[in-house]
Amino acid sequence: KNGVVIISSRELGVCRIRVPYPFQWGAPSFDAGEAFAMMMASFVALVESTGAFIAVSRYASATPMPPSILSRGIGWQGVAILVSGLFGTANGSSVSVENAGLLALTRVGSRRVVQISAGFMIFFSILGKFGAVFASIPAPIIAGLYCLFFAYVGAGGLSFLQFCNLNSFRTKFILGFSIFMGLSVPQYFNEYTAINGYGPVHTGARWFNDIVNVPFSSEAFVAGCLAYFLDNTLHRKDSGIRKDRGKHWWDKFRSFKGDSRSEEFYSLPFNLNKYFPSV
């Protein structure tokens, strides 16, 4: 009546602090079929994360990643997936492709920014009321940002083709065929699942269905594996093919010590190289 709004404590809500801990949903159980299905899902995440790792090194103006550094990143991702399972998050850990695009957009490649952002994420996950502020961002805004982020990541991947001979019909076939199949096959699997409620592979064993349907629903997995297979089998031993593939340009980056700048870009912070040395 007097312009005073009374809000009860129930309507206001209470900001509770919830700290996650291992085995909060009970003791872990093991099922061989489900384990194989999750292994396949982790393998798909591995392929997608590999592309994101390479895009990040590209946009951070770092040297191309040596294989040992890439293996180290994948290994730590596996540890993160294990920790996610212990805490019962119901999903694993994977590299954020959109954050790789954000790096290209902002041109901020400092590790300190990533560390501070990780601290904020931990803070928001513990205090749900604060995290709800970011969760309330309208979906069209997020979609618009994704259009920019994924465009940057895709362009970053295509930029590596400058080291290949794009006038070669072999290169054109591998590139065109892998991209076309990478878009077509997952589209078929996803539409089939949306219409029927199950994937094209539908047997009595759900774990086997997941092993087949999950990887073929990922565009990056299908296109990447197909391009890798064709690039390593199609006329590989013919003269001049190695140069068409651009392999000669990557030779000096095959070892961590092949470039003096690798220590600057890929050494671990907080003196962790003492326990996890780069090779």
Protein backbone atom coordinates (compact mmCIF):
# COMPACT_ATOMS: atom_id res chain seq x y z
CA LYS A 1 0.00 0.00 0.00
CA ASN A 2 2.82 2.37 0.86
CA GLY A 3 5.12 1.13 -1.87
CA VAL A 4 6.97 -1.25 0.44
CA VAL A 5 7.60 -4.73 -0.91
CA ILE A 6 8.03 -7.46 1.67
CA ILE A 7 10.03 -10.46 0.53
CA SER A 8 9.98 -13.56 2.63
CA SER A 9 13.12 -15.56 3.30
CA ARG A 10 11.73 -18.38 1.18
CA GLU A 11 11.32 -16.10 -1.84
CA LEU A 12 14.70 -14.52 -1.32
CA GLY A 13 16.45 -17.80 -1.06
CA VAL A 14 19.51 -18.70 0.95
CA CYS A 15 22.98 -18.73 -0.57
CA ARG A 16 24.29 -22.10 0.49
CA ILE A 17 27.89 -23.23 0.21
CA ARG A 18 28.29 -26.73 -1.12
CA VAL A 19 31.76 -28.18 -1.45
CA PRO A 20 31.90 -31.30 -3.64
CA TYR A 21 33.77 -34.32 -2.34
CA PRO A 22 34.66 -37.77 -3.75
CA PHE A 23 32.06 -40.55 -3.71
CA GLN A 24 29.29 -38.15 -2.66
CA TRP A 25 26.77 -40.24 -4.60
CA GLY A 26 27.86 -43.52 -3.06
CA ALA A 27 30.49 -46.15 -3.67
CA PRO A 28 31.63 -46.56 -7.30
CA SER A 29 30.39 -49.51 -9.32
CA PHE A 30 32.01 -51.17 -12.31
CA ASP A 31 30.37 -52.55 -15.41
CA ALA A 32 32.55 -53.78 -18.25
CA GLY A 33 30.14 -52.74 -20.99
CA GLU A 34 29.64 -49.23 -19.63
CA ALA A 35 33.39 -48.90 -19.13
CA PHE A 36 34.06 -49.65 -22.81
CA ALA A 37 31.37 -47.18 -23.83
CA MET A 38 32.97 -44.45 -21.71
CA MET A 39 36.38 -45.33 -23.13
CA MET A 40 35.02 -44.67 -26.61
CA ALA A 41 33.48 -41.39 -25.48
CA SER A 42 36.84 -40.40 -23.97
CA PHE A 43 38.55 -41.27 -27.23
CA VAL A 44 36.18 -38.95 -29.10
CA ALA A 45 36.98 -36.20 -26.59
CA LEU A 46 40.67 -36.92 -27.16
CA VAL A 47 40.36 -36.30 -30.91
CA GLU A 48 38.40 -33.07 -30.41
CA SER A 49 40.79 -31.88 -27.70
CA THR A 50 43.78 -32.49 -29.95
CA GLY A 51 42.38 -30.06 -32.49
CA ALA A 52 41.69 -27.49 -29.76
CA PHE A 53 45.24 -27.85 -28.42
CA ILE A 54 46.67 -27.12 -31.85
CA ALA A 55 44.33 -24.15 -32.34
CA VAL A 56 45.35 -22.68 -28.98
CA SER A 57 49.05 -22.95 -29.82
CA ARG A 58 48.32 -21.26 -33.13
CA TYR A 59 46.42 -18.31 -31.69
CA ALA A 60 48.78 -17.94 -28.72
CA SER A 61 51.62 -17.31 -31.23
CA ALA A 62 53.49 -20.32 -29.87
CA THR A 63 55.62 -22.76 -31.80
CA PRO A 64 53.86 -25.85 -33.18
CA MET A 65 53.28 -28.38 -30.42
CA PRO A 66 55.86 -31.18 -30.14
CA PRO A 67 54.28 -34.65 -29.85
CA SER A 68 55.48 -34.99 -26.25
CA ILE A 69 53.64 -31.83 -25.19
CA LEU A 70 50.48 -32.99 -26.93
CA SER A 71 50.73 -36.35 -25.16
CA ARG A 72 51.22 -34.58 -21.85
CA GLY A 73 48.06 -32.54 -22.36
CA ILE A 74 46.05 -35.63 -23.29
CA GLY A 75 47.44 -37.45 -20.27
CA TRP A 76 46.38 -34.70 -17.88
CA GLN A 77 42.98 -34.69 -19.52
CA GLY A 78 42.71 -38.38 -18.68
CA VAL A 79 43.53 -37.57 -15.05
CA ALA A 80 40.81 -34.90 -15.08
CA ILE A 81 38.29 -37.44 -16.41
CA LEU A 82 39.24 -39.81 -13.59
CA VAL A 83 38.78 -37.07 -10.98
CA SER A 84 35.43 -36.14 -12.55
CA GLY A 85 34.29 -39.73 -12.11
CA LEU A 86 35.40 -39.77 -8.47
CA PHE A 87 33.40 -36.62 -7.75
CA GLY A 88 30.35 -37.97 -9.59
CA THR A 89 29.99 -35.16 -12.11
CA ALA A 90 28.16 -37.46 -14.57
CA ASN A 91 30.30 -36.09 -17.40
CA GLY A 92 33.98 -36.14 -18.23
CA SER A 93 36.43 -33.35 -18.97
CA SER A 94 37.27 -32.04 -22.40
CA VAL A 95 38.98 -29.02 -23.87
CA SER A 96 36.64 -26.07 -24.37
CA VAL A 97 36.66 -25.36 -28.09
CA GLU A 98 34.82 -22.09 -27.59
CA ASN A 99 37.53 -20.90 -25.21
CA ALA A 100 40.07 -21.52 -27.94
CA GLY A 101 38.00 -19.22 -30.13
CA LEU A 102 37.84 -16.70 -27.29
CA LEU A 103 41.63 -16.70 -27.24
CA ALA A 104 41.65 -15.81 -30.92
CA LEU A 105 39.06 -13.08 -30.39
CA THR A 106 40.72 -11.40 -27.40
CA ARG A 107 44.34 -12.25 -28.30
CA VAL A 108 45.04 -12.83 -24.62
CA GLY A 109 47.28 -15.87 -24.32
CA SER A 110 48.50 -15.38 -20.75
CA ARG A 111 48.43 -18.36 -18.41
CA ARG A 112 47.64 -16.02 -15.55
CA VAL A 113 44.28 -15.23 -17.15
CA VAL A 114 43.46 -18.95 -17.36
CA GLN A 115 44.45 -19.50 -13.72
CA ILE A 116 42.29 -16.60 -12.51
CA SER A 117 39.37 -17.83 -14.63
CA ALA A 118 39.72 -21.31 -13.12
CA GLY A 119 39.52 -19.73 -9.65
CA PHE A 120 36.31 -17.94 -10.59
CA MET A 121 34.83 -21.18 -11.95
CA ILE A 122 35.57 -22.96 -8.68
CA PHE A 123 34.04 -20.06 -6.75
CA PHE A 124 30.86 -20.03 -8.84
CA SER A 125 30.48 -23.81 -8.61
CA ILE A 126 30.56 -23.67 -4.82
CA LEU A 127 28.21 -20.69 -4.50
CA GLY A 128 25.30 -21.52 -6.77
CA LYS A 129 23.59 -18.13 -6.48
CA PHE A 130 26.56 -16.41 -8.09
CA GLY A 131 26.79 -19.01 -10.83
CA ALA A 132 23.11 -18.49 -11.58
CA VAL A 133 23.91 -14.93 -12.71
CA PHE A 134 25.99 -16.27 -15.59
CA ALA A 135 23.57 -19.10 -16.24
CA SER A 136 20.84 -16.50 -16.81
CA ILE A 137 22.58 -15.01 -19.85
CA PRO A 138 20.09 -15.28 -22.77
CA ALA A 139 20.68 -18.16 -25.14
CA PRO A 140 20.74 -15.95 -28.30
CA ILE A 141 23.74 -14.07 -26.90
CA ILE A 142 25.57 -17.32 -26.23
CA ALA A 143 24.68 -18.56 -29.72
CA GLY A 144 26.03 -15.38 -31.29
CA LEU A 145 29.30 -15.74 -29.40
CA TYR A 146 29.57 -19.38 -30.45
CA CYS A 147 29.28 -18.32 -34.09
CA LEU A 148 32.42 -16.25 -33.61
CA PHE A 149 34.33 -18.71 -31.45
CA PHE A 150 33.81 -21.78 -33.62
CA ALA A 151 34.52 -19.76 -36.76
CA TYR A 152 37.92 -18.80 -35.36
CA VAL A 153 38.74 -22.38 -34.41
CA GLY A 154 37.69 -23.70 -37.82
CA ALA A 155 39.74 -21.04 -39.59
CA GLY A 156 42.71 -21.86 -37.39
CA GLY A 157 42.56 -25.49 -38.47
CA LEU A 158 42.25 -24.62 -42.13
CA SER A 159 45.20 -22.22 -41.87
CA PHE A 160 47.53 -25.19 -41.40
CA LEU A 161 46.76 -26.25 -44.96
CA GLN A 162 49.04 -23.46 -46.15
CA PHE A 163 51.94 -25.84 -45.60
CA CYS A 164 50.41 -28.43 -47.94
CA ASN A 165 50.31 -28.37 -51.70
CA LEU A 166 46.73 -27.37 -52.36
CA ASN A 167 47.28 -27.75 -56.10
CA SER A 168 47.70 -31.49 -55.61
CA PHE A 169 44.60 -33.52 -56.52
CA ARG A 170 45.50 -35.91 -53.71
CA THR A 171 45.30 -33.09 -51.15
CA LYS A 172 42.07 -31.80 -52.65
CA PHE A 173 40.44 -35.23 -52.53
CA ILE A 174 41.44 -35.91 -48.90
CA LEU A 175 40.34 -32.46 -47.79
CA GLY A 176 37.02 -32.42 -49.63
CA PHE A 177 36.06 -36.02 -48.92
CA SER A 178 36.89 -35.88 -45.21
CA ILE A 179 35.01 -32.60 -44.66
CA PHE A 180 31.96 -33.81 -46.60
CA MET A 181 31.80 -37.13 -44.75
CA GLY A 182 32.54 -35.38 -41.45
CA LEU A 183 29.40 -33.29 -41.92
CA SER A 184 27.15 -35.93 -43.52
CA VAL A 185 27.69 -39.01 -41.35
CA PRO A 186 27.17 -37.29 -37.95
CA GLN A 187 24.13 -35.47 -39.37
CA TYR A 188 22.59 -38.82 -40.31
CA PHE A 189 23.33 -40.32 -36.88
CA ASN A 190 21.97 -37.29 -35.01
CA GLU A 191 18.77 -37.03 -37.07
CA TYR A 192 18.17 -40.76 -36.83
CA THR A 193 18.52 -40.58 -33.04
CA ALA A 194 16.25 -37.52 -32.79
CA ILE A 195 13.47 -39.19 -34.79
CA ASN A 196 13.62 -42.74 -33.41
CA GLY A 197 14.98 -42.17 -29.92
CA TYR A 198 17.94 -44.47 -30.57
CA GLY A 199 20.90 -44.54 -32.92
CA PRO A 200 21.25 -46.42 -36.23
CA VAL A 201 23.10 -49.18 -34.39
CA HIS A 202 20.39 -50.60 -32.14
CA THR A 203 21.14 -53.97 -30.59
CA GLY A 204 20.33 -55.56 -27.27
CA ALA A 205 23.64 -54.41 -25.82
CA ARG A 206 23.37 -50.71 -24.98
CA TRP A 207 27.10 -50.40 -24.35
CA PHE A 208 27.84 -51.66 -27.88
CA ASN A 209 25.34 -49.19 -29.32
CA ASP A 210 27.14 -46.36 -27.52
CA ILE A 211 30.56 -47.52 -28.74
CA VAL A 212 29.40 -47.16 -32.36
CA ASN A 213 26.84 -44.35 -32.21
CA VAL A 214 28.78 -41.90 -30.04
CA PRO A 215 31.93 -41.55 -32.19
CA PHE A 216 30.00 -41.37 -35.45
CA SER A 217 27.91 -38.53 -34.04
CA SER A 218 30.98 -36.30 -33.72
CA GLU A 219 31.90 -34.23 -36.79
CA ALA A 220 35.49 -33.67 -35.65
CA PHE A 221 36.01 -37.38 -34.96
CA VAL A 222 34.71 -38.60 -38.31
CA ALA A 223 36.48 -35.96 -40.40
CA GLY A 224 39.74 -36.14 -38.45
CA CYS A 225 40.04 -39.93 -38.43
CA LEU A 226 39.10 -40.20 -42.09
CA ALA A 227 41.60 -37.51 -43.14
CA TYR A 228 44.30 -39.12 -41.00
CA PHE A 229 43.66 -42.54 -42.51
CA LEU A 230 43.66 -41.30 -46.11
CA ASP A 231 46.71 -39.06 -45.62
CA ASN A 232 48.75 -41.98 -44.27
CA THR A 233 47.66 -44.57 -46.83
CA LEU A 234 46.85 -42.89 -50.15
CA HIS A 235 49.95 -42.92 -52.39
CA ARG A 236 52.09 -42.33 -49.35
CA LYS A 237 55.31 -43.77 -50.81
CA ASP A 238 55.18 -41.91 -54.10
CA SER A 239 57.92 -39.37 -54.72
CA GLY A 240 56.98 -35.82 -53.86
CA ILE A 241 54.03 -36.86 -51.67
CA ARG A 242 55.86 -36.02 -48.47
CA LYS A 243 56.33 -32.44 -49.61
CA ASP A 244 52.69 -32.23 -50.72
CA ARG A 245 51.70 -33.26 -47.21
CA GLY A 246 53.87 -30.50 -45.71
CA LYS A 247 55.80 -33.00 -43.59
CA HIS A 248 59.12 -31.32 -44.34
CA TRP A 249 57.95 -28.18 -42.55
CA TRP A 250 57.11 -30.06 -39.33
CA ASP A 251 60.41 -31.94 -39.03
CA LYS A 252 62.12 -29.48 -36.69
CA PHE A 253 59.15 -29.50 -34.33
CA ARG A 254 59.08 -33.27 -33.85
CA SER A 255 61.22 -32.91 -30.71
CA PHE A 256 60.82 -30.60 -27.74
CA LYS A 257 64.45 -29.54 -28.04
CA GLY A 258 64.19 -28.96 -31.78
CA ASP A 259 63.31 -25.31 -31.17
CA SER A 260 64.80 -23.13 -28.43
CA ARG A 261 61.46 -21.37 -27.90
CA SER A 262 59.69 -24.54 -26.74
CA GLU A 263 60.90 -24.02 -23.17
CA GLU A 264 59.32 -20.57 -23.08
CA PHE A 265 55.96 -21.68 -24.42
CA TYR A 266 55.48 -25.16 -22.99
CA SER A 267 57.29 -25.26 -19.65
CA LEU A 268 54.92 -25.88 -16.72
CA PRO A 269 54.31 -23.14 -14.13
CA PHE A 270 55.08 -23.30 -10.41
CA ASN A 271 58.29 -25.27 -11.05
CA LEU A 272 56.28 -28.36 -12.03
CA ASN A 273 58.85 -29.18 -14.72
CA LYS A 274 60.94 -30.64 -11.93
CA TYR A 275 58.37 -33.41 -11.48
CA PHE A 276 56.95 -33.52 -15.01
CA PRO A 277 59.90 -32.74 -17.30
CA SER A 278 59.34 -31.99 -20.97
CA VAL A 279 61.10 -34.30 -23.42
